[in-house]
Amino acid sequence: MDIDKKLVKKIATLSRVKIEEKEVERFSIELSKIITWVEKLNEVDTKDVTPVANPSDIKIPFREDEINDGKIEEKILKNAPEKKAGYFVVPKVVE
């Protein structure tokens, strides 16, 4: 599969990555090579291979979730230069 320049730009936009125009060609070539390599996995005959989710026979026991605040609020807030009502006070960063 060839990744053209248009697709590289679309991928960059969707992933919120800024790339320079001069890098588009290089990424087009590199991504095409990666996709070609991954497509080779489709050629592997896995007909007689048993699917494996966990290669180990170890069973991890489940436990009930417990709500726990850790009882360490005071220790954490000791690191705060300024605190109020159990929270860190920080400068406003949004206008």
Protein backbone atom coordinates (compact mmCIF):
# COMPACT_ATOMS: atom_id res chain seq x y z
CA MET A 1 0.00 0.00 0.00
CA ASP A 2 1.37 3.37 -0.96
CA ILE A 3 0.90 6.26 1.41
CA ASP A 4 0.75 9.40 -0.72
CA LYS A 5 1.49 12.95 0.38
CA LYS A 6 -2.20 13.76 0.78
CA LEU A 7 -2.68 10.86 3.21
CA VAL A 8 0.45 11.83 5.16
CA LYS A 9 -0.96 15.34 5.63
CA LYS A 10 -4.33 13.93 6.70
CA ILE A 11 -2.70 11.59 9.23
CA ALA A 12 -0.64 14.48 10.59
CA THR A 13 -3.75 16.65 10.94
CA LEU A 14 -5.77 13.92 12.65
CA SER A 15 -2.94 13.15 15.06
CA ARG A 16 -2.32 16.85 15.73
CA VAL A 17 1.30 16.55 14.61
CA LYS A 18 2.84 19.47 12.79
CA ILE A 19 5.16 18.40 10.00
CA GLU A 20 7.05 20.58 7.58
CA GLU A 21 6.28 20.37 3.88
CA LYS A 22 9.79 19.05 3.22
CA GLU A 23 9.13 16.12 5.61
CA VAL A 24 5.95 14.97 3.85
CA GLU A 25 7.80 13.08 1.11
CA ARG A 26 10.07 11.32 3.62
CA PHE A 27 7.11 10.28 5.78
CA SER A 28 5.27 9.07 2.69
CA ILE A 29 8.15 6.74 1.85
CA GLU A 30 8.70 5.56 5.43
CA LEU A 31 5.02 4.91 6.15
CA SER A 32 4.67 3.01 2.86
CA LYS A 33 7.59 0.79 3.84
CA ILE A 34 6.06 0.13 7.27
CA ILE A 35 2.65 -0.74 5.81
CA THR A 36 4.27 -3.04 3.23
CA TRP A 37 6.18 -4.82 5.99
CA VAL A 38 3.06 -5.23 8.15
CA GLU A 39 1.07 -6.52 5.17
CA LYS A 40 3.53 -9.42 4.95
CA LEU A 41 1.97 -10.74 8.15
CA ASN A 42 -1.13 -11.57 6.08
CA GLU A 43 0.98 -14.03 4.09
CA VAL A 44 1.82 -16.17 7.13
CA ASP A 45 -0.13 -19.43 7.25
CA THR A 46 -1.75 -19.56 10.69
CA LYS A 47 -4.37 -22.18 9.80
CA ASP A 48 -3.10 -24.79 12.28
CA VAL A 49 -1.94 -22.36 14.97
CA THR A 50 -3.95 -22.23 18.18
CA PRO A 51 -4.76 -18.67 19.22
CA VAL A 52 -2.95 -17.71 22.41
CA ALA A 53 -4.08 -14.94 24.71
CA ASN A 54 -1.79 -15.76 27.61
CA PRO A 55 1.35 -17.83 27.07
CA SER A 56 1.48 -18.63 30.78
CA ASP A 57 -0.74 -21.09 32.61
CA ILE A 58 -0.74 -18.84 35.65
CA LYS A 59 -4.23 -17.74 36.62
CA ILE A 60 -4.48 -14.35 38.27
CA PRO A 61 -7.24 -14.34 40.88
CA PHE A 62 -9.86 -11.63 40.63
CA ARG A 63 -10.72 -9.51 43.62
CA GLU A 64 -13.51 -7.12 44.36
CA ASP A 65 -12.70 -3.48 43.72
CA GLU A 66 -12.56 -1.39 46.86
CA ILE A 67 -12.89 2.36 46.93
CA ASN A 68 -9.89 3.70 48.81
CA ASP A 69 -8.55 7.24 48.94
CA GLY A 70 -5.22 5.97 50.24
CA LYS A 71 -5.54 8.01 53.42
CA ILE A 72 -2.49 10.04 52.37
CA GLU A 73 -4.06 13.43 51.68
CA GLU A 74 -1.93 15.15 54.32
CA LYS A 75 1.29 13.65 52.96
CA ILE A 76 0.44 14.77 49.44
CA LEU A 77 -0.61 18.26 50.46
CA LYS A 78 2.67 18.76 52.34
CA ASN A 79 4.22 19.18 48.88
CA ALA A 80 1.84 22.00 47.98
CA PRO A 81 3.17 25.53 48.35
CA GLU A 82 -0.46 26.64 48.65
CA LYS A 83 -3.57 24.57 49.38
CA LYS A 84 -7.26 25.14 50.01
CA ALA A 85 -10.00 22.69 51.06
CA GLY A 86 -7.84 19.65 50.35
CA TYR A 87 -6.70 20.80 46.90
CA PHE A 88 -3.53 22.29 45.41
CA VAL A 89 -3.94 25.98 44.58
CA VAL A 90 -2.28 26.85 41.28
CA PRO A 91 -2.14 30.00 39.18
CA LYS A 92 -4.88 30.45 36.60
CA VAL A 93 -3.58 29.41 33.18
CA VAL A 94 -6.71 29.82 31.03
CA GLU A 95 -8.04 33.21 30.04
